[in-house]
Amino acid sequence: MTSAGRPSRPSSSTWRTTAGELVVIVAGYPAPMEEFIDANPGLASRFRLTLTFDDYSDDELVEIFTKITADADFTPTEDCVARLRAILALTPRDTGFGNGRFVRSQFESAVVRQAWRLRDVADPTVQQLRQLVADDLGEPPDTLRPPDTSQAPDTSQAPDTSQALDTLKAPDTLKPSDPLTAPDEVQALDTVEAPPAPEAPDTRQSREAAP
């Protein structure tokens, strides 16, 4: 500390003596962490070790939930645990799934619902205050967990519909129609002969007859 009460800046000798004693751990989802490391060329050389953790199984998440409740002096009933399993079975395991944080959020929400459920109880017992029932967890979500794509059905044996398409015939209405026939009145006009043009008068003889 300096005389002004501010923390003193460590000297270069201090950094040398504490080298190897500081460990920095960054954690996050895979895709955002890759963007974080790629954002600065120097980060990749400083974070040389990457550990990838798989999602917890439903049994492991139930075990985490029961430990959280026990540490907080709560006791979930069997129906409450069954409701939690139903919620886990229907919750999508996408990139935003929180694993242990998800079940902790379920517990915190259950405590709020339990307090609301007991609001009209004038003198609740210790057991009632500690007990979490199925309704305290709410209803299971409507969204189903996405199916495992590794077990997708084999579509290589799908029926060949090309032959069936070749046998289809176009309806008669798609055939070119017959050439249009001109109306009778048009044909009648073609048969009418034009009247002969009047002959021009012989003006030469008229000039010769003039005096």
Protein backbone atom coordinates (compact mmCIF):
# COMPACT_ATOMS: atom_id res chain seq x y z
CA MET A 1 0.00 0.00 0.00
CA THR A 2 1.20 3.53 -0.73
CA SER A 3 1.08 6.45 1.71
CA ALA A 4 -2.10 7.61 -0.02
CA GLY A 5 -3.77 4.31 0.76
CA ARG A 6 -3.71 3.05 -2.83
CA PRO A 7 -2.48 -0.41 -3.69
CA SER A 8 1.08 -0.35 -4.91
CA ARG A 9 1.88 -1.65 -8.37
CA PRO A 10 3.85 -4.89 -8.27
CA SER A 11 7.40 -4.57 -9.49
CA SER A 12 8.93 -6.66 -12.24
CA SER A 13 10.80 -8.69 -9.63
CA THR A 14 7.48 -9.55 -8.00
CA TRP A 15 6.12 -10.86 -11.32
CA ARG A 16 9.22 -13.00 -11.75
CA THR A 17 8.99 -14.54 -8.29
CA THR A 18 5.27 -15.33 -8.66
CA ALA A 19 5.57 -16.81 -12.14
CA GLY A 20 3.92 -20.22 -12.27
CA GLU A 21 1.78 -19.55 -9.18
CA LEU A 22 -1.18 -18.01 -11.01
CA VAL A 23 -3.69 -20.11 -12.91
CA VAL A 24 -6.36 -18.48 -15.07
CA ILE A 25 -9.36 -20.62 -16.07
CA VAL A 26 -11.97 -19.46 -18.53
CA ALA A 27 -15.14 -21.46 -19.06
CA GLY A 28 -18.06 -21.26 -21.40
CA TYR A 29 -19.91 -22.99 -24.20
CA PRO A 30 -17.75 -24.47 -27.02
CA ALA A 31 -18.68 -22.12 -29.88
CA PRO A 32 -18.41 -18.83 -27.93
CA MET A 33 -15.14 -19.98 -26.36
CA GLU A 34 -13.65 -20.68 -29.79
CA GLU A 35 -14.61 -17.17 -30.87
CA PHE A 36 -13.06 -15.80 -27.67
CA ILE A 37 -9.74 -17.59 -28.23
CA ASP A 38 -9.65 -16.65 -31.93
CA ALA A 39 -10.35 -12.99 -31.15
CA ASN A 40 -6.72 -12.41 -30.11
CA PRO A 41 -3.77 -14.30 -31.60
CA GLY A 42 -1.97 -14.24 -28.25
CA LEU A 43 -4.73 -16.06 -26.37
CA ALA A 44 -4.26 -19.39 -28.13
CA SER A 45 -0.64 -19.59 -26.96
CA ARG A 46 -1.63 -18.77 -23.39
CA PHE A 47 -4.61 -21.14 -23.13
CA ARG A 48 -3.01 -24.29 -24.48
CA LEU A 49 -5.21 -26.79 -22.63
CA THR A 50 -8.88 -27.26 -23.46
CA LEU A 51 -11.16 -29.60 -21.52
CA THR A 52 -14.58 -30.51 -22.90
CA PHE A 53 -17.22 -31.77 -20.48
CA ASP A 54 -20.22 -33.78 -21.58
CA ASP A 55 -23.70 -33.04 -20.30
CA TYR A 56 -24.70 -34.68 -17.04
CA SER A 57 -27.05 -37.63 -17.26
CA ASP A 58 -30.52 -37.45 -15.73
CA ASP A 59 -29.39 -39.56 -12.76
CA GLU A 60 -26.44 -37.25 -12.12
CA LEU A 61 -28.66 -34.17 -12.31
CA VAL A 62 -31.13 -35.70 -9.86
CA GLU A 63 -28.23 -36.42 -7.53
CA ILE A 64 -27.09 -32.79 -7.79
CA PHE A 65 -30.63 -31.60 -7.08
CA THR A 66 -30.99 -33.74 -3.96
CA LYS A 67 -27.63 -32.51 -2.69
CA ILE A 68 -28.62 -28.89 -3.24
CA THR A 69 -31.89 -29.39 -1.39
CA ALA A 70 -30.19 -31.22 1.48
CA ASP A 71 -27.58 -28.47 1.87
CA ALA A 72 -30.43 -25.92 2.07
CA ASP A 73 -32.32 -28.05 4.63
CA PHE A 74 -35.11 -29.05 2.23
CA THR A 75 -36.47 -32.53 1.53
CA PRO A 76 -38.02 -33.36 -1.86
CA THR A 77 -40.75 -36.00 -1.88
CA GLU A 78 -40.67 -39.00 -4.22
CA ASP A 79 -43.26 -37.31 -6.41
CA CYS A 80 -41.06 -34.23 -6.55
CA VAL A 81 -38.09 -36.26 -7.75
CA ALA A 82 -40.31 -38.01 -10.30
CA ARG A 83 -41.49 -34.61 -11.57
CA LEU A 84 -37.87 -33.50 -11.88
CA ARG A 85 -37.08 -36.58 -13.97
CA ALA A 86 -40.04 -35.79 -16.23
CA ILE A 87 -38.78 -32.22 -16.65
CA LEU A 88 -35.28 -33.44 -17.48
CA ALA A 89 -36.63 -35.94 -19.99
CA LEU A 90 -38.49 -33.21 -21.88
CA THR A 91 -35.92 -30.41 -21.68
CA PRO A 92 -33.87 -29.93 -24.88
CA ARG A 93 -30.14 -30.42 -24.40
CA ASP A 94 -29.15 -27.58 -26.72
CA THR A 95 -26.14 -25.29 -26.54
CA GLY A 96 -27.77 -23.23 -23.78
CA PHE A 97 -28.53 -26.11 -21.42
CA GLY A 98 -27.06 -25.29 -18.02
CA ASN A 99 -26.58 -28.79 -16.51
CA GLY A 100 -25.97 -28.18 -12.79
CA ARG A 101 -27.12 -24.57 -13.10
CA PHE A 102 -30.38 -25.82 -14.61
CA VAL A 103 -31.28 -27.98 -11.60
CA ARG A 104 -30.22 -25.20 -9.23
CA SER A 105 -32.66 -22.89 -11.01
CA GLN A 106 -35.33 -25.57 -10.62
CA PHE A 107 -34.65 -25.71 -6.89
CA GLU A 108 -34.76 -21.92 -6.44
CA SER A 109 -38.04 -21.73 -8.35
CA ALA A 110 -39.44 -24.58 -6.24
CA VAL A 111 -38.66 -22.70 -3.04
CA VAL A 112 -40.58 -19.67 -4.32
CA ARG A 113 -43.58 -21.83 -5.29
CA GLN A 114 -43.49 -23.59 -1.92
CA ALA A 115 -43.64 -20.27 -0.09
CA TRP A 116 -46.61 -19.23 -2.22
CA ARG A 117 -48.29 -22.58 -1.60
CA LEU A 118 -47.98 -22.17 2.16
CA ARG A 119 -49.03 -18.53 2.23
CA ASP A 120 -52.47 -19.34 3.67
CA VAL A 121 -51.19 -21.81 6.28
CA ALA A 122 -51.36 -19.96 9.59
CA ASP A 123 -48.91 -22.12 11.52
CA PRO A 124 -46.92 -24.39 9.17
CA THR A 125 -44.94 -27.22 10.71
CA VAL A 126 -41.23 -27.68 10.28
CA GLN A 127 -41.91 -30.61 7.95
CA GLN A 128 -44.14 -28.49 5.76
CA LEU A 129 -41.52 -25.77 5.58
CA ARG A 130 -38.82 -28.24 4.59
CA GLN A 131 -40.84 -30.37 2.17
CA LEU A 132 -40.85 -29.83 -1.59
CA VAL A 133 -43.68 -31.49 -3.50
CA ALA A 134 -44.15 -32.11 -7.22
CA ASP A 135 -46.25 -28.97 -7.80
CA ASP A 136 -43.40 -26.86 -6.43
CA LEU A 137 -41.43 -27.72 -9.58
CA GLY A 138 -44.20 -26.63 -11.91
CA GLU A 139 -45.43 -28.46 -14.97
CA PRO A 140 -43.08 -30.25 -17.38
CA PRO A 141 -42.28 -28.29 -20.54
CA ASP A 142 -44.16 -28.91 -23.75
CA THR A 143 -40.97 -29.12 -25.84
CA LEU A 144 -39.61 -32.60 -26.31
CA ARG A 145 -35.92 -33.29 -26.10
CA PRO A 146 -34.52 -33.47 -29.66
CA PRO A 147 -34.10 -37.08 -30.86
CA ASP A 148 -30.70 -38.67 -31.06
CA THR A 149 -29.61 -38.26 -34.69
CA SER A 150 -27.23 -41.20 -34.39
CA GLN A 151 -30.30 -43.47 -34.23
CA ALA A 152 -31.95 -41.92 -37.28
CA PRO A 153 -33.65 -44.45 -39.61
CA ASP A 154 -31.77 -45.66 -42.67
CA THR A 155 -33.23 -44.02 -45.76
CA SER A 156 -31.02 -45.92 -48.23
CA GLN A 157 -33.73 -48.56 -48.60
CA ALA A 158 -36.45 -46.11 -49.50
CA PRO A 159 -38.73 -47.35 -52.32
CA ASP A 160 -37.81 -46.30 -55.85
CA THR A 161 -40.57 -44.09 -57.16
CA SER A 162 -38.88 -43.21 -60.46
CA GLN A 163 -40.53 -46.11 -62.32
CA ALA A 164 -43.92 -45.15 -60.98
CA LEU A 165 -43.39 -41.60 -62.19
CA ASP A 166 -42.41 -42.82 -65.66
CA THR A 167 -45.69 -44.69 -66.03
CA LEU A 168 -47.78 -41.64 -65.31
CA LYS A 169 -49.55 -40.29 -68.40
CA ALA A 170 -50.41 -36.71 -68.93
CA PRO A 171 -54.13 -36.05 -69.05
CA ASP A 172 -55.78 -35.44 -72.41
CA THR A 173 -56.25 -31.79 -71.59
CA LEU A 174 -52.48 -31.31 -71.84
CA LYS A 175 -52.35 -32.48 -75.52
CA PRO A 176 -52.08 -29.77 -78.19
CA SER A 177 -55.50 -28.91 -79.57
CA ASP A 178 -56.46 -29.13 -83.26
CA PRO A 179 -55.75 -26.14 -85.48
CA LEU A 180 -58.39 -23.49 -85.19
CA THR A 181 -60.87 -23.34 -88.09
CA ALA A 182 -61.75 -19.90 -89.37
CA PRO A 183 -65.41 -18.92 -88.92
CA ASP A 184 -67.78 -19.39 -91.88
CA GLU A 185 -68.22 -15.66 -92.36
CA VAL A 186 -64.49 -15.26 -92.89
CA GLN A 187 -64.51 -17.98 -95.54
CA ALA A 188 -67.50 -16.30 -97.17
CA LEU A 189 -65.55 -13.10 -97.49
CA ASP A 190 -62.81 -14.98 -99.33
CA THR A 191 -65.31 -16.10 -102.06
CA VAL A 192 -66.79 -12.65 -102.77
CA GLU A 193 -65.38 -11.14 -106.00
CA ALA A 194 -64.58 -7.49 -106.07
CA PRO A 195 -66.66 -5.45 -108.62
CA PRO A 196 -64.84 -4.42 -111.85
CA ALA A 197 -63.28 -0.99 -111.78
CA PRO A 198 -65.00 1.59 -114.10
CA GLU A 199 -63.24 2.34 -117.42
CA ALA A 200 -61.67 5.76 -117.77
CA PRO A 201 -63.24 7.92 -120.54
CA ASP A 202 -61.30 8.40 -123.83
CA THR A 203 -60.28 12.05 -123.58
CA ARG A 204 -58.29 11.87 -126.87
CA GLN A 205 -61.39 11.58 -128.99
CA SER A 206 -63.02 14.39 -127.03
CA ARG A 207 -60.12 16.73 -127.84
CA GLU A 208 -60.25 15.82 -131.54
CA ALA A 209 -63.98 16.62 -131.72
CA ALA A 210 -63.59 20.02 -130.17
CA PRO A 211 -63.67 22.96 -132.71
